[in-house]
Amino acid sequence: MMHEEKFYLIEGKKMTLMELARELESAAGGEFEDVHGSINRVVVKKPAPEQGFEAFTITFKMKHTVDLIDAVVTTDNKRKILKTTI
């Protein structure tokens, strides 16, 4: 069973995608099938370059279960380099 309070420990931190995956695995108590997850850009309204960031949802699937974990991240980088700079 996952404990939501563990997820707050990584809120607001700057980390790589690999670091994020490892932190989430630790909080969830299991391993992901793919530590790179499935990345989707969040489009809430028209792009606003003056805001200086973009939001993404990264979905990780746990090994040996049907459980998924979604992480919402923001970055000031473009998607093409998101995998190495979250």
PDB file of N, CA and C in Angstrom:
ATOM      1  N   MET A   1       0.844  -1.172   0.000  1.00  0.00           N
ATOM      2  CA  MET A   1       0.000   0.000   0.000  1.00  0.00           C
ATOM      3  C   MET A   1       0.893   1.241   0.000  1.00  0.00           C
ATOM      4  N   MET A   2       0.545   2.195  -0.868  1.00  0.00           N
ATOM      5  CA  MET A   2       1.318   3.424  -0.957  1.00  0.00           C
ATOM      6  C   MET A   2       0.832   4.432   0.073  1.00  0.00           C
ATOM      7  N   HIS A   3       1.754   5.252   0.534  1.00  0.00           N
ATOM      8  CA  HIS A   3       1.427   6.282   1.504  1.00  0.00           C
ATOM      9  C   HIS A   3       1.674   7.636   0.875  1.00  0.00           C
ATOM     10  N   GLU A   4       0.591   8.373   0.678  1.00  0.00           N
ATOM     11  CA  GLU A   4       0.673   9.639  -0.035  1.00  0.00           C
ATOM     12  C   GLU A   4       1.645  10.625   0.603  1.00  0.00           C
ATOM     13  N   GLU A   5       1.774  10.609   1.911  1.00  0.00           N
ATOM     14  CA  GLU A   5       2.669  11.576   2.563  1.00  0.00           C
ATOM     15  C   GLU A   5       4.120  11.407   2.105  1.00  0.00           C
ATOM     16  N   LYS A   6       4.513  10.215   1.675  1.00  0.00           N
ATOM     17  CA  LYS A   6       5.873  10.002   1.184  1.00  0.00           C
ATOM     18  C   LYS A   6       6.122  10.765  -0.111  1.00  0.00           C
ATOM     19  N   PHE A   7       5.069  10.949  -0.903  1.00  0.00           N
ATOM     20  CA  PHE A   7       5.231  11.647  -2.171  1.00  0.00           C
ATOM     21  C   PHE A   7       5.488  13.138  -1.985  1.00  0.00           C
ATOM     22  N   TYR A   8       5.020  13.708  -0.886  1.00  0.00           N
ATOM     23  CA  TYR A   8       5.258  15.125  -0.629  1.00  0.00           C
ATOM     24  C   TYR A   8       6.736  15.423  -0.395  1.00  0.00           C
ATOM     25  N   LEU A   9       7.520  14.436  -0.064  1.00  0.00           N
ATOM     26  CA  LEU A   9       8.944  14.637   0.184  1.00  0.00           C
ATOM     27  C   LEU A   9       9.701  15.066  -1.066  1.00  0.00           C
ATOM     28  N   ILE A  10       9.153  14.788  -2.250  1.00  0.00           N
ATOM     29  CA  ILE A  10       9.849  15.169  -3.482  1.00  0.00           C
ATOM     30  C   ILE A  10       9.213  16.374  -4.163  1.00  0.00           C
ATOM     31  N   GLU A  11       8.117  16.876  -3.615  1.00  0.00           N
ATOM     32  CA  GLU A  11       7.438  18.021  -4.204  1.00  0.00           C
ATOM     33  C   GLU A  11       8.332  19.249  -4.165  1.00  0.00           C
ATOM     34  N   GLY A  12       8.430  19.917  -5.305  1.00  0.00           N
ATOM     35  CA  GLY A  12       9.206  21.149  -5.392  1.00  0.00           C
ATOM     36  C   GLY A  12      10.699  20.960  -5.572  1.00  0.00           C
ATOM     37  N   LYS A  13      11.179  19.724  -5.622  1.00  0.00           N
ATOM     38  CA  LYS A  13      12.607  19.472  -5.794  1.00  0.00           C
ATOM     39  C   LYS A  13      12.969  19.426  -7.270  1.00  0.00           C
ATOM     40  N   LYS A  14      14.194  19.811  -7.563  1.00  0.00           N
ATOM     41  CA  LYS A  14      14.724  19.744  -8.920  1.00  0.00           C
ATOM     42  C   LYS A  14      15.539  18.461  -9.023  1.00  0.00           C
ATOM     43  N   MET A  15      15.214  17.608 -10.008  1.00  0.00           N
ATOM     44  CA  MET A  15      15.909  16.329 -10.142  1.00  0.00           C
ATOM     45  C   MET A  15      15.831  15.824 -11.563  1.00  0.00           C
ATOM     46  N   THR A  16      16.672  14.846 -11.860  1.00  0.00           N
ATOM     47  CA  THR A  16      16.639  14.213 -13.171  1.00  0.00           C
ATOM     48  C   THR A  16      15.465  13.235 -13.221  1.00  0.00           C
ATOM     49  N   LEU A  17      15.139  12.797 -14.409  1.00  0.00           N
ATOM     50  CA  LEU A  17      14.066  11.825 -14.573  1.00  0.00           C
ATOM     51  C   LEU A  17      14.404  10.530 -13.840  1.00  0.00           C
ATOM     52  N   MET A  18      15.652  10.100 -13.899  1.00  0.00           N
ATOM     53  CA  MET A  18      16.080   8.883 -13.202  1.00  0.00           C
ATOM     54  C   MET A  18      15.944   9.047 -11.688  1.00  0.00           C
ATOM     55  N   GLU A  19      16.333  10.198 -11.171  1.00  0.00           N
ATOM     56  CA  GLU A  19      16.187  10.462  -9.732  1.00  0.00           C
ATOM     57  C   GLU A  19      14.712  10.460  -9.325  1.00  0.00           C
ATOM     58  N   LEU A  20      13.871  11.055 -10.163  1.00  0.00           N
ATOM     59  CA  LEU A  20      12.432  11.060  -9.887  1.00  0.00           C
ATOM     60  C   LEU A  20      11.897   9.631  -9.840  1.00  0.00           C
ATOM     61  N   ALA A  21      12.274   8.821 -10.820  1.00  0.00           N
ATOM     62  CA  ALA A  21      11.807   7.430 -10.858  1.00  0.00           C
ATOM     63  C   ALA A  21      12.244   6.676  -9.609  1.00  0.00           C
ATOM     64  N   ARG A  22      13.481   6.838  -9.203  1.00  0.00           N
ATOM     65  CA  ARG A  22      13.992   6.133  -8.019  1.00  0.00           C
ATOM     66  C   ARG A  22      13.275   6.589  -6.743  1.00  0.00           C
ATOM     67  N   GLU A  23      13.022   7.879  -6.631  1.00  0.00           N
ATOM     68  CA  GLU A  23      12.301   8.397  -5.459  1.00  0.00           C
ATOM     69  C   GLU A  23      10.876   7.846  -5.415  1.00  0.00           C
ATOM     70  N   LEU A  24      10.217   7.796  -6.564  1.00  0.00           N
ATOM     71  CA  LEU A  24       8.851   7.273  -6.615  1.00  0.00           C
ATOM     72  C   LEU A  24       8.822   5.769  -6.349  1.00  0.00           C
ATOM     73  N   GLU A  25       9.806   5.047  -6.864  1.00  0.00           N
ATOM     74  CA  GLU A  25       9.890   3.609  -6.578  1.00  0.00           C
ATOM     75  C   GLU A  25      10.045   3.381  -5.079  1.00  0.00           C
ATOM     76  N   SER A  26      10.885   4.183  -4.456  1.00  0.00           N
ATOM     77  CA  SER A  26      11.112   4.051  -3.020  1.00  0.00           C
ATOM     78  C   SER A  26       9.826   4.339  -2.243  1.00  0.00           C
ATOM     79  N   ALA A  27       9.118   5.391  -2.617  1.00  0.00           N
ATOM     80  CA  ALA A  27       7.876   5.747  -1.930  1.00  0.00           C
ATOM     81  C   ALA A  27       6.796   4.692  -2.148  1.00  0.00           C
ATOM     82  N   ALA A  28       6.789   4.099  -3.348  1.00  0.00           N
ATOM     83  CA  ALA A  28       5.761   3.106  -3.673  1.00  0.00           C
ATOM     84  C   ALA A  28       6.127   1.710  -3.181  1.00  0.00           C
ATOM     85  N   GLY A  29       7.399   1.495  -2.897  1.00  0.00           N
ATOM     86  CA  GLY A  29       7.832   0.188  -2.411  1.00  0.00           C
ATOM     87  C   GLY A  29       7.912  -0.877  -3.484  1.00  0.00           C
ATOM     88  N   GLY A  30       8.259  -0.474  -4.698  1.00  0.00           N
ATOM     89  CA  GLY A  30       8.384  -1.443  -5.792  1.00  0.00           C
ATOM     90  C   GLY A  30       9.188  -0.852  -6.937  1.00  0.00           C
ATOM     91  N   GLU A  31       9.331  -1.633  -8.015  1.00  0.00           N
ATOM     92  CA  GLU A  31      10.101  -1.194  -9.172  1.00  0.00           C
ATOM     93  C   GLU A  31       9.181  -0.873 -10.337  1.00  0.00           C
ATOM     94  N   PHE A  32       9.645   0.042 -11.197  1.00  0.00           N
ATOM     95  CA  PHE A  32       8.917   0.382 -12.414  1.00  0.00           C
ATOM     96  C   PHE A  32       9.373  -0.514 -13.554  1.00  0.00           C
ATOM     97  N   GLU A  33       8.487  -0.756 -14.503  1.00  0.00           N
ATOM     98  CA  GLU A  33       8.859  -1.499 -15.708  1.00  0.00           C
ATOM     99  C   GLU A  33       9.846  -0.689 -16.536  1.00  0.00           C
ATOM    100  N   ASP A  34       9.645   0.626 -16.601  1.00  0.00           N
ATOM    101  CA  ASP A  34      10.501   1.506 -17.396  1.00  0.00           C
ATOM    102  C   ASP A  34      10.712   2.791 -16.609  1.00  0.00           C
ATOM    103  N   VAL A  35      11.945   3.076 -16.210  1.00  0.00           N
ATOM    104  CA  VAL A  35      12.216   4.267 -15.395  1.00  0.00           C
ATOM    105  C   VAL A  35      12.075   5.563 -16.181  1.00  0.00           C
ATOM    106  N   HIS A  36      11.915   5.483 -17.500  1.00  0.00           N
ATOM    107  CA  HIS A  36      11.701   6.691 -18.290  1.00  0.00           C
ATOM    108  C   HIS A  36      10.220   7.039 -18.376  1.00  0.00           C
ATOM    109  N   GLY A  37       9.352   6.101 -18.050  1.00  0.00           N
ATOM    110  CA  GLY A  37       7.920   6.358 -18.047  1.00  0.00           C
ATOM    111  C   GLY A  37       7.377   6.737 -19.408  1.00  0.00           C
ATOM    112  N   SER A  38       6.139   7.136 -19.411  1.00  0.00           N
ATOM    113  CA  SER A  38       5.453   7.617 -20.604  1.00  0.00           C
ATOM    114  C   SER A  38       5.194   9.100 -20.397  1.00  0.00           C
ATOM    115  N   ILE A  39       5.793   9.944 -21.226  1.00  0.00           N
ATOM    116  CA  ILE A  39       5.749  11.389 -21.027  1.00  0.00           C
ATOM    117  C   ILE A  39       4.714  12.028 -21.942  1.00  0.00           C
ATOM    118  N   ASN A  40       3.844  12.836 -21.356  1.00  0.00           N
ATOM    119  CA  ASN A  40       2.823  13.565 -22.115  1.00  0.00           C
ATOM    120  C   ASN A  40       2.803  15.012 -21.674  1.00  0.00           C
ATOM    121  N   ARG A  41       2.798  15.915 -22.652  1.00  0.00           N
ATOM    122  CA  ARG A  41       2.743  17.343 -22.340  1.00  0.00           C
ATOM    123  C   ARG A  41       1.341  17.693 -21.866  1.00  0.00           C
ATOM    124  N   VAL A  42       1.266  18.493 -20.820  1.00  0.00           N
ATOM    125  CA  VAL A  42      -0.014  18.940 -20.284  1.00  0.00           C
ATOM    126  C   VAL A  42      -0.364  20.256 -20.967  1.00  0.00           C
ATOM    127  N   VAL A  43      -1.499  20.273 -21.645  1.00  0.00           N
ATOM    128  CA  VAL A  43      -1.943  21.496 -22.299  1.00  0.00           C
ATOM    129  C   VAL A  43      -3.204  21.964 -21.589  1.00  0.00           C
ATOM    130  N   VAL A  44      -3.038  22.962 -20.745  1.00  0.00           N
ATOM    131  CA  VAL A  44      -4.149  23.478 -19.968  1.00  0.00           C
ATOM    132  C   VAL A  44      -4.797  24.648 -20.698  1.00  0.00           C
ATOM    133  N   LYS A  45      -3.985  25.429 -21.364  1.00  0.00           N
ATOM    134  CA  LYS A  45      -4.463  26.563 -22.151  1.00  0.00           C
ATOM    135  C   LYS A  45      -3.471  26.777 -23.282  1.00  0.00           C
ATOM    136  N   LYS A  46      -3.678  27.791 -24.065  1.00  0.00           N
ATOM    137  CA  LYS A  46      -2.744  28.064 -25.150  1.00  0.00           C
ATOM    138  C   LYS A  46      -1.334  28.223 -24.585  1.00  0.00           C
ATOM    139  N   PRO A  47      -0.322  27.767 -25.329  1.00  0.00           N
ATOM    140  CA  PRO A  47       1.056  27.933 -24.847  1.00  0.00           C
ATOM    141  C   PRO A  47       1.339  29.402 -24.508  1.00  0.00           C
ATOM    142  N   ALA A  48       2.019  29.582 -23.408  1.00  0.00           N
ATOM    143  CA  ALA A  48       2.369  30.928 -22.955  1.00  0.00           C
ATOM    144  C   ALA A  48       3.867  30.980 -22.696  1.00  0.00           C
ATOM    145  N   PRO A  49       4.658  31.212 -23.748  1.00  0.00           N
ATOM    146  CA  PRO A  49       6.123  31.206 -23.587  1.00  0.00           C
ATOM    147  C   PRO A  49       6.624  32.173 -22.519  1.00  0.00           C
ATOM    148  N   GLU A  50       5.887  33.242 -22.254  1.00  0.00           N
ATOM    149  CA  GLU A  50       6.330  34.209 -21.247  1.00  0.00           C
ATOM    150  C   GLU A  50       6.311  33.634 -19.840  1.00  0.00           C
ATOM    151  N   GLN A  51       5.594  32.503 -19.633  1.00  0.00           N
ATOM    152  CA  GLN A  51       5.578  31.884 -18.309  1.00  0.00           C
ATOM    153  C   GLN A  51       6.883  31.154 -18.013  1.00  0.00           C
ATOM    154  N   GLY A  52       7.623  30.767 -19.029  1.00  0.00           N
ATOM    155  CA  GLY A  52       8.938  30.192 -18.842  1.00  0.00           C
ATOM    156  C   GLY A  52       8.974  28.750 -18.392  1.00  0.00           C
ATOM    157  N   PHE A  53       7.859  28.035 -18.440  1.00  0.00           N
ATOM    158  CA  PHE A  53       7.896  26.625 -18.085  1.00  0.00           C
ATOM    159  C   PHE A  53       6.842  25.858 -18.869  1.00  0.00           C
ATOM    160  N   GLU A  54       7.023  24.551 -18.909  1.00  0.00           N
ATOM    161  CA  GLU A  54       6.032  23.665 -19.488  1.00  0.00           C
ATOM    162  C   GLU A  54       5.733  22.584 -18.467  1.00  0.00           C
ATOM    163  N   ALA A  55       4.521  22.033 -18.504  1.00  0.00           N
ATOM    164  CA  ALA A  55       4.127  20.979 -17.571  1.00  0.00           C
ATOM    165  C   ALA A  55       3.961  19.664 -18.332  1.00  0.00           C
ATOM    166  N   PHE A  56       4.355  18.579 -17.689  1.00  0.00           N
ATOM    167  CA  PHE A  56       4.275  17.252 -18.271  1.00  0.00           C
ATOM    168  C   PHE A  56       3.734  16.271 -17.241  1.00  0.00           C
ATOM    169  N   THR A  57       3.008  15.274 -17.707  1.00  0.00           N
ATOM    170  CA  THR A  57       2.608  14.156 -16.860  1.00  0.00           C
ATOM    171  C   THR A  57       3.457  12.967 -17.284  1.00  0.00           C
ATOM    172  N   ILE A  58       4.098  12.347 -16.317  1.00  0.00           N
ATOM    173  CA  ILE A  58       4.901  11.155 -16.584  1.00  0.00           C
ATOM    174  C   ILE A  58       4.224   9.997 -15.870  1.00  0.00           C
ATOM    175  N   THR A  59       3.872   8.961 -16.624  1.00  0.00           N
ATOM    176  CA  THR A  59       3.200   7.798 -16.058  1.00  0.00           C
ATOM    177  C   THR A  59       4.188   6.643 -15.978  1.00  0.00           C
ATOM    178  N   PHE A  60       4.311   6.083 -14.794  1.00  0.00           N
ATOM    179  CA  PHE A  60       5.177   4.932 -14.559  1.00  0.00           C
ATOM    180  C   PHE A  60       4.306   3.725 -14.243  1.00  0.00           C
ATOM    181  N   LYS A  61       4.641   2.574 -14.822  1.00  0.00           N
ATOM    182  CA  LYS A  61       3.918   1.335 -14.524  1.00  0.00           C
ATOM    183  C   LYS A  61       4.770   0.485 -13.601  1.00  0.00           C
ATOM    184  N   MET A  62       4.151   0.023 -12.528  1.00  0.00           N
ATOM    185  CA  MET A  62       4.854  -0.836 -11.580  1.00  0.00           C
ATOM    186  C   MET A  62       5.021  -2.230 -12.172  1.00  0.00           C
ATOM    187  N   LYS A  63       6.160  -2.866 -11.892  1.00  0.00           N
ATOM    188  CA  LYS A  63       6.403  -4.243 -12.331  1.00  0.00           C
ATOM    189  C   LYS A  63       5.469  -5.187 -11.593  1.00  0.00           C
ATOM    190  N   HIS A  64       5.025  -6.219 -12.293  1.00  0.00           N
ATOM    191  CA  HIS A  64       4.255  -7.325 -11.720  1.00  0.00           C
ATOM    192  C   HIS A  64       2.897  -6.909 -11.150  1.00  0.00           C
ATOM    193  N   THR A  65       2.397  -5.726 -11.498  1.00  0.00           N
ATOM    194  CA  THR A  65       1.067  -5.297 -11.054  1.00  0.00           C
ATOM    195  C   THR A  65       0.418  -4.495 -12.184  1.00  0.00           C
ATOM    196  N   VAL A  66      -0.791  -4.068 -11.958  1.00  0.00           N
ATOM    197  CA  VAL A  66      -1.461  -3.180 -12.905  1.00  0.00           C
ATOM    198  C   VAL A  66      -1.410  -1.735 -12.417  1.00  0.00           C
ATOM    199  N   ASP A  67      -0.690  -1.487 -11.325  1.00  0.00           N
ATOM    200  CA  ASP A  67      -0.620  -0.158 -10.722  1.00  0.00           C
ATOM    201  C   ASP A  67       0.186   0.817 -11.571  1.00  0.00           C
ATOM    202  N   LEU A  68      -0.311   2.047 -11.631  1.00  0.00           N
ATOM    203  CA  LEU A  68       0.361   3.137 -12.332  1.00  0.00           C
ATOM    204  C   LEU A  68       0.581   4.283 -11.358  1.00  0.00           C
ATOM    205  N   ILE A  69       1.654   5.027 -11.572  1.00  0.00           N
ATOM    206  CA  ILE A  69       1.912   6.237 -10.783  1.00  0.00           C
ATOM    207  C   ILE A  69       2.116   7.373 -11.772  1.00  0.00           C
ATOM    208  N   ASP A  70       1.355   8.441 -11.601  1.00  0.00           N
ATOM    209  CA  ASP A  70       1.506   9.635 -12.428  1.00  0.00           C
ATOM    210  C   ASP A  70       2.247  10.698 -11.644  1.00  0.00           C
ATOM    211  N   ALA A  71       3.199  11.334 -12.302  1.00  0.00           N
ATOM    212  CA  ALA A  71       3.919  12.463 -11.707  1.00  0.00           C
ATOM    213  C   ALA A  71       3.716  13.660 -12.632  1.00  0.00           C
ATOM    214  N   VAL A  72       3.351  14.787 -12.074  1.00  0.00           N
ATOM    215  CA  VAL A  72       3.234  16.017 -12.849  1.00  0.00           C
ATOM    216  C   VAL A  72       4.489  16.822 -12.562  1.00  0.00           C
ATOM    217  N   VAL A  73       5.203  17.166 -13.628  1.00  0.00           N
ATOM    218  CA  VAL A  73       6.459  17.899 -13.482  1.00  0.00           C
ATOM    219  C   VAL A  73       6.421  19.157 -14.338  1.00  0.00           C
ATOM    220  N   THR A  74       7.197  20.138 -13.933  1.00  0.00           N
ATOM    221  CA  THR A  74       7.358  21.337 -14.743  1.00  0.00           C
ATOM    222  C   THR A  74       8.829  21.477 -15.084  1.00  0.00           C
ATOM    223  N   THR A  75       9.078  22.068 -16.236  1.00  0.00           N
ATOM    224  CA  THR A  75      10.441  22.268 -16.687  1.00  0.00           C
ATOM    225  C   THR A  75      10.508  23.520 -17.547  1.00  0.00           C
ATOM    226  N   ASP A  76      11.641  24.169 -17.544  1.00  0.00           N
ATOM    227  CA  ASP A  76      11.807  25.311 -18.433  1.00  0.00           C
ATOM    228  C   ASP A  76      12.480  24.876 -19.733  1.00  0.00           C
ATOM    229  N   ASN A  77      12.645  23.568 -19.890  1.00  0.00           N
ATOM    230  CA  ASN A  77      13.269  23.014 -21.091  1.00  0.00           C
ATOM    231  C   ASN A  77      12.211  22.453 -22.028  1.00  0.00           C
ATOM    232  N   LYS A  78      12.575  22.287 -23.267  1.00  0.00           N
ATOM    233  CA  LYS A  78      11.671  21.709 -24.245  1.00  0.00           C
ATOM    234  C   LYS A  78      11.637  20.205 -24.124  1.00  0.00           C
ATOM    235  N   ARG A  79      10.590  19.595 -24.625  1.00  0.00           N
ATOM    236  CA  ARG A  79      10.374  18.152 -24.504  1.00  0.00           C
ATOM    237  C   ARG A  79      11.533  17.335 -25.049  1.00  0.00           C
ATOM    238  N   LYS A  80      12.202  17.794 -26.093  1.00  0.00           N
ATOM    239  CA  LYS A  80      13.263  17.000 -26.707  1.00  0.00           C
ATOM    240  C   LYS A  80      14.408  16.693 -25.739  1.00  0.00           C
ATOM    241  N   ILE A  81      14.578  17.501 -24.686  1.00  0.00           N
ATOM    242  CA  ILE A  81      15.626  17.231 -23.709  1.00  0.00           C
ATOM    243  C   ILE A  81      15.060  16.953 -22.324  1.00  0.00           C
ATOM    244  N   LEU A  82      13.750  16.750 -22.242  1.00  0.00           N
ATOM    245  CA  LEU A  82      13.099  16.505 -20.946  1.00  0.00           C
ATOM    246  C   LEU A  82      13.653  15.300 -20.242  1.00  0.00           C
ATOM    247  N   LYS A  83      13.955  14.228 -20.950  1.00  0.00           N
ATOM    248  CA  LYS A  83      14.381  12.983 -20.321  1.00  0.00           C
ATOM    249  C   LYS A  83      15.653  13.131 -19.500  1.00  0.00           C
ATOM    250  N   THR A  84      16.465  14.109 -19.775  1.00  0.00           N
ATOM    251  CA  THR A  84      17.712  14.236 -19.024  1.00  0.00           C
ATOM    252  C   THR A  84      17.737  15.430 -18.086  1.00  0.00           C
ATOM    253  N   THR A  85      16.665  16.231 -18.069  1.00  0.00           N
ATOM    254  CA  THR A  85      16.780  17.465 -17.302  1.00  0.00           C
ATOM    255  C   THR A  85      15.697  17.691 -16.265  1.00  0.00           C
ATOM    256  N   ILE A  86      14.815  16.753 -16.017  1.00  0.00           N
ATOM    257  CA  ILE A  86      13.766  16.975 -15.014  1.00  0.00           C
ATOM    258  C   ILE A  86      14.404  17.037 -13.645  1.00  0.00           C
TER     259      ILE A  86
END
